Amino acid sequence: MKKIAITLSIIALLLLGVIIYGVVHTRLDIKLVAPTSTPAKELANEFERWTNAHAIGAVQGVVYDETPIGSIEDYYFNVYGAEIKNNGLIPARMCEMQISPHKGDVLSYSSKVSLGKDDNTEISIKPGESATLQLIMLTKSQENEVREITVSYYIWGKPFFIKDTVRR
């Protein structure tokens, strides 16, 4: 009986250690990808799609400037990305990326929307797995100025935020 009690105590301590490890390692690792910039005239169909959505107030993303969009020659699509790795033992749910806007930014949208997918689809990262988050911004600035990127996610219903700065 004494051996069974000792064995159960060891198993309980091991389980407690696994739970503590899972809680301590709930943060995700983030590695920002170098941003790219493409003139809007090279993506004329995409520009027209977002110009129309902007004009009727149907943008599936974040609008920074309500004024009507002008000539295609004045705009660029800047793409920001982040490689996310979950080193913990608990899945990270509802992962998303936001960016701090600057003067000249018109709107931003996720890569899910740019591929014609539903923006409400949840992005989850299972323990030990990685995912790529991407955000596309329509802006008047070709320069990818210093931007603050915020990645948000939930573990066990608790929100977490990682802020980082991206530079060209």
N, C-alpha and C. Protein backbone atom coordinates (compact mmCIF):
# COMPACT_ATOMS: atom_id res chain seq x y z
N MET A 1 0.81 -1.19 0.00
CA MET A 1 0.00 0.00 0.00
C MET A 1 0.86 1.26 0.00
N LYS A 2 2.01 1.20 0.69
CA LYS A 2 2.90 2.34 0.77
C LYS A 2 3.51 2.63 -0.61
N LYS A 3 3.82 1.59 -1.40
CA LYS A 3 4.39 1.77 -2.73
C LYS A 3 3.38 2.43 -3.67
N ILE A 4 2.12 2.04 -3.53
CA ILE A 4 1.08 2.64 -4.37
C ILE A 4 0.93 4.13 -4.04
N ALA A 5 0.97 4.48 -2.78
CA ALA A 5 0.85 5.88 -2.36
C ALA A 5 2.04 6.69 -2.88
N ILE A 6 3.23 6.13 -2.81
CA ILE A 6 4.43 6.84 -3.31
C ILE A 6 4.33 7.01 -4.83
N THR A 7 3.91 5.95 -5.53
CA THR A 7 3.77 6.00 -7.00
C THR A 7 2.73 7.05 -7.40
N LEU A 8 1.59 7.08 -6.72
CA LEU A 8 0.55 8.07 -7.03
C LEU A 8 1.03 9.49 -6.72
N SER A 9 1.82 9.64 -5.66
CA SER A 9 2.37 10.97 -5.33
C SER A 9 3.32 11.45 -6.42
N ILE A 10 4.16 10.54 -6.92
CA ILE A 10 5.10 10.89 -8.00
C ILE A 10 4.34 11.26 -9.26
N ILE A 11 3.30 10.49 -9.59
CA ILE A 11 2.48 10.79 -10.78
C ILE A 11 1.81 12.15 -10.61
N ALA A 12 1.29 12.45 -9.44
CA ALA A 12 0.65 13.73 -9.18
C ALA A 12 1.65 14.88 -9.33
N LEU A 13 2.87 14.70 -8.83
CA LEU A 13 3.89 15.74 -8.96
C LEU A 13 4.28 15.94 -10.42
N LEU A 14 4.38 14.86 -11.18
CA LEU A 14 4.69 14.98 -12.60
C LEU A 14 3.58 15.73 -13.35
N LEU A 15 2.34 15.40 -13.06
CA LEU A 15 1.21 16.10 -13.69
C LEU A 15 1.20 17.58 -13.31
N LEU A 16 1.50 17.86 -12.06
CA LEU A 16 1.58 19.26 -11.63
C LEU A 16 2.69 19.98 -12.37
N GLY A 17 3.82 19.31 -12.56
CA GLY A 17 4.93 19.90 -13.31
C GLY A 17 4.55 20.18 -14.76
N VAL A 18 3.80 19.28 -15.39
CA VAL A 18 3.35 19.49 -16.77
C VAL A 18 2.39 20.68 -16.84
N ILE A 19 1.49 20.79 -15.88
CA ILE A 19 0.54 21.90 -15.86
C ILE A 19 1.28 23.22 -15.65
N ILE A 20 2.22 23.25 -14.74
CA ILE A 20 3.00 24.48 -14.50
C ILE A 20 3.78 24.85 -15.75
N TYR A 21 4.39 23.86 -16.41
CA TYR A 21 5.12 24.13 -17.65
C TYR A 21 4.20 24.73 -18.71
N GLY A 22 3.00 24.16 -18.83
CA GLY A 22 2.03 24.67 -19.81
C GLY A 22 1.61 26.09 -19.53
N VAL A 23 1.44 26.42 -18.26
CA VAL A 23 1.03 27.77 -17.89
C VAL A 23 2.18 28.77 -18.09
N VAL A 24 3.39 28.38 -17.71
CA VAL A 24 4.55 29.27 -17.83
C VAL A 24 4.88 29.55 -19.29
N HIS A 25 4.68 28.60 -20.17
CA HIS A 25 5.04 28.76 -21.58
C HIS A 25 3.83 29.09 -22.45
N THR A 26 2.92 29.90 -21.94
CA THR A 26 1.74 30.26 -22.72
C THR A 26 2.01 31.34 -23.75
N ARG A 27 3.13 32.01 -23.68
CA ARG A 27 3.43 33.07 -24.64
C ARG A 27 3.86 32.45 -25.97
N LEU A 28 3.46 33.11 -27.03
CA LEU A 28 3.86 32.68 -28.36
C LEU A 28 5.15 33.39 -28.76
N ASP A 29 5.96 32.71 -29.56
CA ASP A 29 7.15 33.35 -30.13
C ASP A 29 6.75 34.00 -31.44
N ILE A 30 7.21 35.22 -31.66
CA ILE A 30 6.86 35.96 -32.87
C ILE A 30 8.14 36.39 -33.58
N LYS A 31 8.14 36.20 -34.89
CA LYS A 31 9.25 36.66 -35.71
C LYS A 31 8.63 37.43 -36.87
N LEU A 32 8.89 38.74 -36.90
CA LEU A 32 8.32 39.57 -37.96
C LEU A 32 9.07 39.35 -39.27
N VAL A 33 8.30 39.32 -40.35
CA VAL A 33 8.84 39.14 -41.69
C VAL A 33 9.04 40.52 -42.30
N ALA A 34 10.10 40.70 -43.06
CA ALA A 34 10.36 42.00 -43.69
C ALA A 34 9.18 42.39 -44.58
N PRO A 35 8.68 43.61 -44.42
CA PRO A 35 7.53 44.05 -45.22
C PRO A 35 7.90 44.24 -46.69
N THR A 36 6.91 44.07 -47.56
CA THR A 36 7.10 44.31 -48.99
C THR A 36 6.10 45.36 -49.45
N SER A 37 6.46 46.06 -50.52
CA SER A 37 5.60 47.10 -51.06
C SER A 37 5.43 46.88 -52.56
N THR A 38 4.18 46.94 -53.02
CA THR A 38 3.87 46.76 -54.44
C THR A 38 3.00 47.93 -54.89
N PRO A 39 3.36 48.59 -55.99
CA PRO A 39 2.50 49.66 -56.49
C PRO A 39 1.10 49.12 -56.81
N ALA A 40 0.09 49.89 -56.48
CA ALA A 40 -1.29 49.45 -56.70
C ALA A 40 -1.58 49.19 -58.17
N LYS A 41 -0.90 49.90 -59.07
CA LYS A 41 -1.15 49.69 -60.50
C LYS A 41 -0.75 48.29 -60.95
N GLU A 42 0.13 47.61 -60.20
CA GLU A 42 0.49 46.23 -60.50
C GLU A 42 -0.57 45.24 -60.02
N LEU A 43 -1.44 45.69 -59.15
CA LEU A 43 -2.54 44.87 -58.62
C LEU A 43 -3.85 45.61 -58.87
N ALA A 44 -4.10 45.93 -60.12
CA ALA A 44 -5.26 46.77 -60.48
C ALA A 44 -6.59 46.16 -60.04
N ASN A 45 -6.75 44.84 -60.20
CA ASN A 45 -8.02 44.20 -59.80
C ASN A 45 -8.24 44.29 -58.30
N GLU A 46 -7.17 44.08 -57.55
CA GLU A 46 -7.26 44.17 -56.09
C GLU A 46 -7.56 45.61 -55.67
N PHE A 47 -6.91 46.56 -56.32
CA PHE A 47 -7.15 47.97 -56.01
C PHE A 47 -8.60 48.34 -56.30
N GLU A 48 -9.13 47.91 -57.43
CA GLU A 48 -10.52 48.21 -57.78
C GLU A 48 -11.48 47.59 -56.77
N ARG A 49 -11.19 46.36 -56.39
CA ARG A 49 -12.04 45.66 -55.41
C ARG A 49 -12.11 46.45 -54.10
N TRP A 50 -10.96 46.91 -53.60
CA TRP A 50 -10.94 47.61 -52.32
C TRP A 50 -11.41 49.04 -52.45
N THR A 51 -11.23 49.65 -53.60
CA THR A 51 -11.77 51.00 -53.83
C THR A 51 -13.29 50.96 -53.78
N ASN A 52 -13.87 49.96 -54.44
CA ASN A 52 -15.33 49.81 -54.43
C ASN A 52 -15.86 49.53 -53.03
N ALA A 53 -15.19 48.62 -52.32
CA ALA A 53 -15.61 48.31 -50.95
C ALA A 53 -15.50 49.54 -50.04
N HIS A 54 -14.46 50.31 -50.23
CA HIS A 54 -14.26 51.53 -49.44
C HIS A 54 -15.36 52.55 -49.74
N ALA A 55 -15.71 52.69 -51.01
CA ALA A 55 -16.72 53.68 -51.41
C ALA A 55 -18.10 53.38 -50.84
N ILE A 56 -18.44 52.09 -50.69
CA ILE A 56 -19.78 51.74 -50.18
C ILE A 56 -19.77 51.36 -48.70
N GLY A 57 -18.61 51.53 -48.05
CA GLY A 57 -18.53 51.23 -46.62
C GLY A 57 -18.59 49.75 -46.30
N ALA A 58 -18.05 48.90 -47.18
CA ALA A 58 -18.12 47.45 -46.99
C ALA A 58 -16.75 46.81 -46.85
N VAL A 59 -15.78 47.53 -46.33
CA VAL A 59 -14.43 46.99 -46.17
C VAL A 59 -14.42 45.95 -45.06
N GLN A 60 -13.89 44.77 -45.36
CA GLN A 60 -13.73 43.73 -44.35
C GLN A 60 -12.33 43.86 -43.76
N GLY A 61 -12.16 44.86 -42.98
CA GLY A 61 -10.88 45.17 -42.38
C GLY A 61 -11.02 46.45 -41.59
N VAL A 62 -9.96 47.22 -41.53
CA VAL A 62 -9.97 48.47 -40.77
C VAL A 62 -9.76 49.63 -41.72
N VAL A 63 -10.67 50.62 -41.68
CA VAL A 63 -10.55 51.82 -42.50
C VAL A 63 -9.91 52.91 -41.65
N TYR A 64 -8.82 53.49 -42.16
CA TYR A 64 -8.13 54.56 -41.44
C TYR A 64 -8.49 55.94 -41.98
N ASP A 65 -8.88 56.00 -43.25
CA ASP A 65 -9.17 57.28 -43.90
C ASP A 65 -10.48 57.15 -44.67
N GLU A 66 -11.46 57.95 -44.30
CA GLU A 66 -12.79 57.88 -44.91
C GLU A 66 -12.89 58.63 -46.24
N THR A 67 -11.91 59.48 -46.55
CA THR A 67 -11.99 60.26 -47.79
C THR A 67 -11.90 59.34 -48.99
N PRO A 68 -12.56 59.70 -50.11
CA PRO A 68 -12.55 58.85 -51.30
C PRO A 68 -11.13 58.59 -51.81
N ILE A 69 -10.94 57.40 -52.33
CA ILE A 69 -9.64 56.98 -52.86
C ILE A 69 -9.44 57.62 -54.22
N GLY A 70 -8.22 58.11 -54.47
CA GLY A 70 -7.90 58.80 -55.72
C GLY A 70 -7.33 57.88 -56.79
N SER A 71 -6.36 58.39 -57.51
CA SER A 71 -5.75 57.71 -58.65
C SER A 71 -4.92 56.51 -58.22
N ILE A 72 -4.94 55.45 -59.00
CA ILE A 72 -4.22 54.23 -58.70
C ILE A 72 -2.71 54.46 -58.61
N GLU A 73 -2.19 55.45 -59.32
CA GLU A 73 -0.75 55.73 -59.31
C GLU A 73 -0.26 56.23 -57.95
N ASP A 74 -1.16 56.71 -57.12
CA ASP A 74 -0.78 57.28 -55.83
C ASP A 74 -0.72 56.27 -54.69
N TYR A 75 -1.06 55.00 -54.95
CA TYR A 75 -1.23 54.04 -53.86
C TYR A 75 -0.31 52.83 -53.99
N TYR A 76 -0.10 52.20 -52.83
CA TYR A 76 0.74 51.00 -52.73
C TYR A 76 0.06 49.99 -51.82
N PHE A 77 0.34 48.73 -52.06
CA PHE A 77 -0.06 47.67 -51.15
C PHE A 77 1.18 47.26 -50.38
N ASN A 78 1.17 47.49 -49.07
CA ASN A 78 2.28 47.07 -48.21
C ASN A 78 1.84 45.83 -47.45
N VAL A 79 2.67 44.80 -47.49
CA VAL A 79 2.35 43.52 -46.85
C VAL A 79 3.25 43.32 -45.65
N TYR A 80 2.64 43.09 -44.49
CA TYR A 80 3.35 42.85 -43.24
C TYR A 80 3.03 41.43 -42.79
N GLY A 81 4.02 40.72 -42.31
CA GLY A 81 3.80 39.34 -41.89
C GLY A 81 4.52 39.01 -40.60
N ALA A 82 4.06 37.93 -39.96
CA ALA A 82 4.68 37.46 -38.72
C ALA A 82 4.58 35.94 -38.68
N GLU A 83 5.69 35.31 -38.34
CA GLU A 83 5.73 33.86 -38.11
C GLU A 83 5.49 33.66 -36.61
N ILE A 84 4.48 32.87 -36.28
CA ILE A 84 4.09 32.66 -34.89
C ILE A 84 4.30 31.19 -34.54
N LYS A 85 4.95 30.93 -33.39
CA LYS A 85 5.17 29.55 -32.93
C LYS A 85 4.63 29.41 -31.53
N ASN A 86 3.88 28.34 -31.30
CA ASN A 86 3.33 28.04 -29.98
C ASN A 86 4.20 26.97 -29.33
N ASN A 87 5.02 27.38 -28.37
CA ASN A 87 5.89 26.44 -27.65
C ASN A 87 5.24 25.88 -26.40
N GLY A 88 4.05 26.33 -26.07
CA GLY A 88 3.36 25.87 -24.88
C GLY A 88 2.64 24.56 -25.10
N LEU A 89 1.89 24.15 -24.11
CA LEU A 89 1.13 22.90 -24.18
C LEU A 89 -0.36 23.14 -24.40
N ILE A 90 -0.74 24.40 -24.57
CA ILE A 90 -2.15 24.76 -24.70
C ILE A 90 -2.34 25.49 -26.02
N PRO A 91 -3.41 25.17 -26.77
CA PRO A 91 -3.61 25.86 -28.05
C PRO A 91 -3.91 27.35 -27.86
N ALA A 92 -3.38 28.15 -28.78
CA ALA A 92 -3.68 29.59 -28.80
C ALA A 92 -4.81 29.79 -29.80
N ARG A 93 -5.87 30.47 -29.39
CA ARG A 93 -7.05 30.62 -30.23
C ARG A 93 -7.24 32.08 -30.62
N MET A 94 -7.98 32.27 -31.70
CA MET A 94 -8.36 33.60 -32.19
C MET A 94 -7.14 34.51 -32.39
N CYS A 95 -6.10 34.00 -33.03
CA CYS A 95 -4.90 34.78 -33.28
C CYS A 95 -5.16 35.79 -34.39
N GLU A 96 -4.73 37.01 -34.19
CA GLU A 96 -4.86 38.02 -35.22
C GLU A 96 -3.77 39.07 -35.07
N MET A 97 -3.57 39.83 -36.13
CA MET A 97 -2.52 40.84 -36.16
C MET A 97 -3.13 42.19 -36.50
N GLN A 98 -2.69 43.24 -35.80
CA GLN A 98 -3.10 44.61 -36.09
C GLN A 98 -1.83 45.44 -36.27
N ILE A 99 -2.00 46.59 -36.91
CA ILE A 99 -0.86 47.47 -37.18
C ILE A 99 -1.24 48.89 -36.79
N SER A 100 -0.25 49.65 -36.34
CA SER A 100 -0.50 51.05 -36.01
C SER A 100 -0.48 51.86 -37.31
N PRO A 101 -1.54 52.61 -37.60
CA PRO A 101 -1.59 53.36 -38.85
C PRO A 101 -0.78 54.65 -38.78
N HIS A 102 -0.35 55.09 -39.95
CA HIS A 102 0.34 56.37 -40.08
C HIS A 102 -0.41 57.23 -41.08
N LYS A 103 -0.02 58.49 -41.20
CA LYS A 103 -0.65 59.39 -42.16
C LYS A 103 -0.48 58.83 -43.56
N GLY A 104 -1.56 58.84 -44.32
CA GLY A 104 -1.54 58.31 -45.68
C GLY A 104 -2.07 56.90 -45.80
N ASP A 105 -2.26 56.22 -44.67
CA ASP A 105 -2.82 54.88 -44.70
C ASP A 105 -4.32 54.96 -44.93
N VAL A 106 -4.83 54.11 -45.80
CA VAL A 106 -6.26 54.15 -46.13
C VAL A 106 -7.01 53.03 -45.43
N LEU A 107 -6.55 51.80 -45.59
CA LEU A 107 -7.23 50.66 -44.97
C LEU A 107 -6.26 49.50 -44.85
N SER A 108 -6.62 48.52 -44.02
CA SER A 108 -5.85 47.29 -43.91
C SER A 108 -6.81 46.12 -43.82
N TYR A 109 -6.35 44.97 -44.29
CA TYR A 109 -7.16 43.77 -44.25
C TYR A 109 -6.25 42.55 -44.12
N SER A 110 -6.80 41.46 -43.63
CA SER A 110 -6.01 40.26 -43.41
C SER A 110 -5.83 39.50 -44.71
N SER A 111 -4.89 38.57 -44.70
CA SER A 111 -4.64 37.77 -45.90
C SER A 111 -5.82 36.85 -46.20
N LYS A 112 -6.61 36.49 -45.18
CA LYS A 112 -7.80 35.66 -45.43
C LYS A 112 -8.74 36.38 -46.38
N VAL A 113 -8.96 37.65 -46.15
CA VAL A 113 -9.85 38.43 -47.01
C VAL A 113 -9.27 38.58 -48.40
N SER A 114 -7.97 38.79 -48.49
CA SER A 114 -7.35 38.98 -49.80
C SER A 114 -7.44 37.72 -50.65
N LEU A 115 -7.58 36.58 -50.02
CA LEU A 115 -7.72 35.32 -50.75
C LEU A 115 -9.18 34.93 -50.95
N GLY A 116 -10.09 35.82 -50.58
CA GLY A 116 -11.51 35.56 -50.77
C GLY A 116 -12.13 34.67 -49.71
N LYS A 117 -11.43 34.46 -48.59
CA LYS A 117 -11.95 33.62 -47.52
C LYS A 117 -12.69 34.48 -46.50
N ASP A 118 -13.46 33.84 -45.64
CA ASP A 118 -14.21 34.54 -44.61
C ASP A 118 -13.27 35.07 -43.54
N ASP A 119 -13.36 36.36 -43.27
CA ASP A 119 -12.50 36.99 -42.27
C ASP A 119 -12.84 36.55 -40.86
N ASN A 120 -14.02 35.96 -40.66
CA ASN A 120 -14.44 35.53 -39.33
C ASN A 120 -13.94 34.13 -38.97
N THR A 121 -13.21 33.48 -39.86
CA THR A 121 -12.65 32.18 -39.57
C THR A 121 -11.57 32.32 -38.50
N GLU A 122 -11.66 31.50 -37.48
CA GLU A 122 -10.72 31.58 -36.37
C GLU A 122 -9.37 30.97 -36.76
N ILE A 123 -8.30 31.64 -36.38
CA ILE A 123 -6.96 31.09 -36.56
C ILE A 123 -6.49 30.59 -35.20
N SER A 124 -6.27 29.29 -35.09
CA SER A 124 -5.77 28.68 -33.86
C SER A 124 -4.41 28.06 -34.14
N ILE A 125 -3.54 28.10 -33.15
CA ILE A 125 -2.22 27.49 -33.29
C ILE A 125 -2.09 26.43 -32.21
N LYS A 126 -2.01 25.18 -32.64
CA LYS A 126 -1.91 24.07 -31.71
C LYS A 126 -0.53 24.05 -31.06
N PRO A 127 -0.41 23.40 -29.89
CA PRO A 127 0.89 23.32 -29.22
C PRO A 127 1.95 22.72 -30.14
N GLY A 128 3.11 23.36 -30.17
CA GLY A 128 4.22 22.89 -30.98
C GLY A 128 4.14 23.24 -32.45
N GLU A 129 3.08 23.90 -32.87
CA GLU A 129 2.91 24.24 -34.28
C GLU A 129 3.16 25.72 -34.53
N SER A 130 3.26 26.05 -35.81
CA SER A 130 3.50 27.43 -36.23
C SER A 130 2.43 27.88 -37.20
N ALA A 131 2.30 29.18 -37.36
CA ALA A 131 1.37 29.75 -38.33
C ALA A 131 1.95 31.07 -38.81
N THR A 132 1.51 31.47 -39.99
CA THR A 132 1.92 32.75 -40.54
C THR A 132 0.71 33.68 -40.55
N LEU A 133 0.87 34.84 -39.96
CA LEU A 133 -0.17 35.86 -40.01
C LEU A 133 0.30 36.94 -40.98
N GLN A 134 -0.65 37.50 -41.70
CA GLN A 134 -0.30 38.51 -42.69
C GLN A 134 -1.34 39.60 -42.66
N LEU A 135 -0.90 40.82 -42.90
CA LEU A 135 -1.80 41.96 -42.96
C LEU A 135 -1.39 42.79 -44.17
N ILE A 136 -2.37 43.17 -44.97
CA ILE A 136 -2.10 43.95 -46.17
C ILE A 136 -2.70 45.33 -45.99
N MET A 137 -1.91 46.35 -46.29
CA MET A 137 -2.34 47.72 -46.09
C MET A 137 -2.33 48.48 -47.41
N LEU A 138 -3.41 49.19 -47.68
CA LEU A 138 -3.46 50.11 -48.82
C LEU A 138 -3.07 51.48 -48.29
N THR A 139 -2.01 52.05 -48.88
CA THR A 139 -1.48 53.30 -48.36
C THR A 139 -0.94 54.16 -49.49
N LYS A 140 -0.76 55.43 -49.19
CA LYS A 140 -0.15 56.35 -50.15
C LYS A 140 1.37 56.34 -50.02
N SER A 141 1.88 55.67 -49.02
CA SER A 141 3.32 55.68 -48.75
C SER A 141 3.96 54.38 -49.20
N GLN A 142 4.95 54.50 -50.09
CA GLN A 142 5.69 53.32 -50.50
C GLN A 142 6.67 52.92 -49.42
N GLU A 143 7.10 53.88 -48.65
CA GLU A 143 8.05 53.59 -47.58
C GLU A 143 7.33 52.81 -46.48
N ASN A 144 7.91 51.68 -46.11
CA ASN A 144 7.39 50.93 -44.98
C ASN A 144 8.03 51.50 -43.73
N GLU A 145 7.44 52.57 -43.25
CA GLU A 145 7.98 53.25 -42.09
C GLU A 145 7.97 52.29 -40.90
N VAL A 146 8.60 52.72 -39.83
CA VAL A 146 8.57 51.93 -38.61
C VAL A 146 7.12 51.80 -38.17
N ARG A 147 6.69 50.59 -37.95
CA ARG A 147 5.30 50.33 -37.55
C ARG A 147 5.29 49.44 -36.31
N GLU A 148 4.27 49.67 -35.49
CA GLU A 148 4.08 48.79 -34.34
C GLU A 148 3.06 47.73 -34.73
N ILE A 149 3.45 46.49 -34.57
CA ILE A 149 2.58 45.34 -34.86
C ILE A 149 2.12 44.76 -33.52
N THR A 150 0.84 44.46 -33.42
CA THR A 150 0.29 43.83 -32.22
C THR A 150 -0.35 42.50 -32.63
N VAL A 151 0.11 41.43 -32.02
CA VAL A 151 -0.49 40.11 -32.24
C VAL A 151 -1.28 39.79 -30.97
N SER A 152 -2.55 39.46 -31.16
CA SER A 152 -3.39 39.11 -30.01
C SER A 152 -3.87 37.68 -30.16
N TYR A 153 -4.08 37.02 -29.02
CA TYR A 153 -4.56 35.64 -29.01
C TYR A 153 -5.12 35.32 -27.63
N TYR A 154 -5.80 34.19 -27.53
CA TYR A 154 -6.41 33.75 -26.27
C TYR A 154 -5.90 32.36 -25.91
N ILE A 155 -5.57 32.20 -24.63
CA ILE A 155 -5.25 30.88 -24.08
C ILE A 155 -6.09 30.72 -22.83
N TRP A 156 -6.87 29.66 -22.80
CA TRP A 156 -7.80 29.40 -21.71
C TRP A 156 -8.73 30.58 -21.49
N GLY A 157 -9.11 31.26 -22.55
CA GLY A 157 -10.03 32.38 -22.46
C GLY A 157 -9.40 33.68 -21.99
N LYS A 158 -8.11 33.66 -21.70
CA LYS A 158 -7.41 34.87 -21.24
C LYS A 158 -6.71 35.52 -22.42
N PRO A 159 -6.90 36.84 -22.63
CA PRO A 159 -6.25 37.50 -23.76
C PRO A 159 -4.77 37.78 -23.49
N PHE A 160 -3.98 37.63 -24.54
CA PHE A 160 -2.55 37.96 -24.51
C PHE A 160 -2.25 38.86 -25.69
N PHE A 161 -1.28 39.74 -25.52
CA PHE A 161 -0.89 40.67 -26.58
C PHE A 161 0.64 40.70 -26.67
N ILE A 162 1.14 40.64 -27.90
CA ILE A 162 2.58 40.79 -28.14
C ILE A 162 2.74 41.99 -29.06
N LYS A 163 3.54 42.94 -28.62
CA LYS A 163 3.81 44.12 -29.45
C LYS A 163 5.27 44.07 -29.90
N ASP A 164 5.46 44.40 -31.16
CA ASP A 164 6.81 44.43 -31.72
C ASP A 164 6.86 45.51 -32.78
N THR A 165 8.05 45.90 -33.15
CA THR A 165 8.24 46.95 -34.14
C THR A 165 8.84 46.35 -35.39
N VAL A 166 8.28 46.72 -36.53
CA VAL A 166 8.80 46.24 -37.81
C VAL A 166 9.45 47.40 -38.54
N ARG A 167 10.60 47.11 -39.12
CA ARG A 167 11.34 48.09 -39.91
C ARG A 167 11.67 47.47 -41.25
N ARG A 168 11.88 48.28 -42.21
CA ARG A 168 12.26 47.77 -43.54
C ARG A 168 13.70 47.34 -43.51
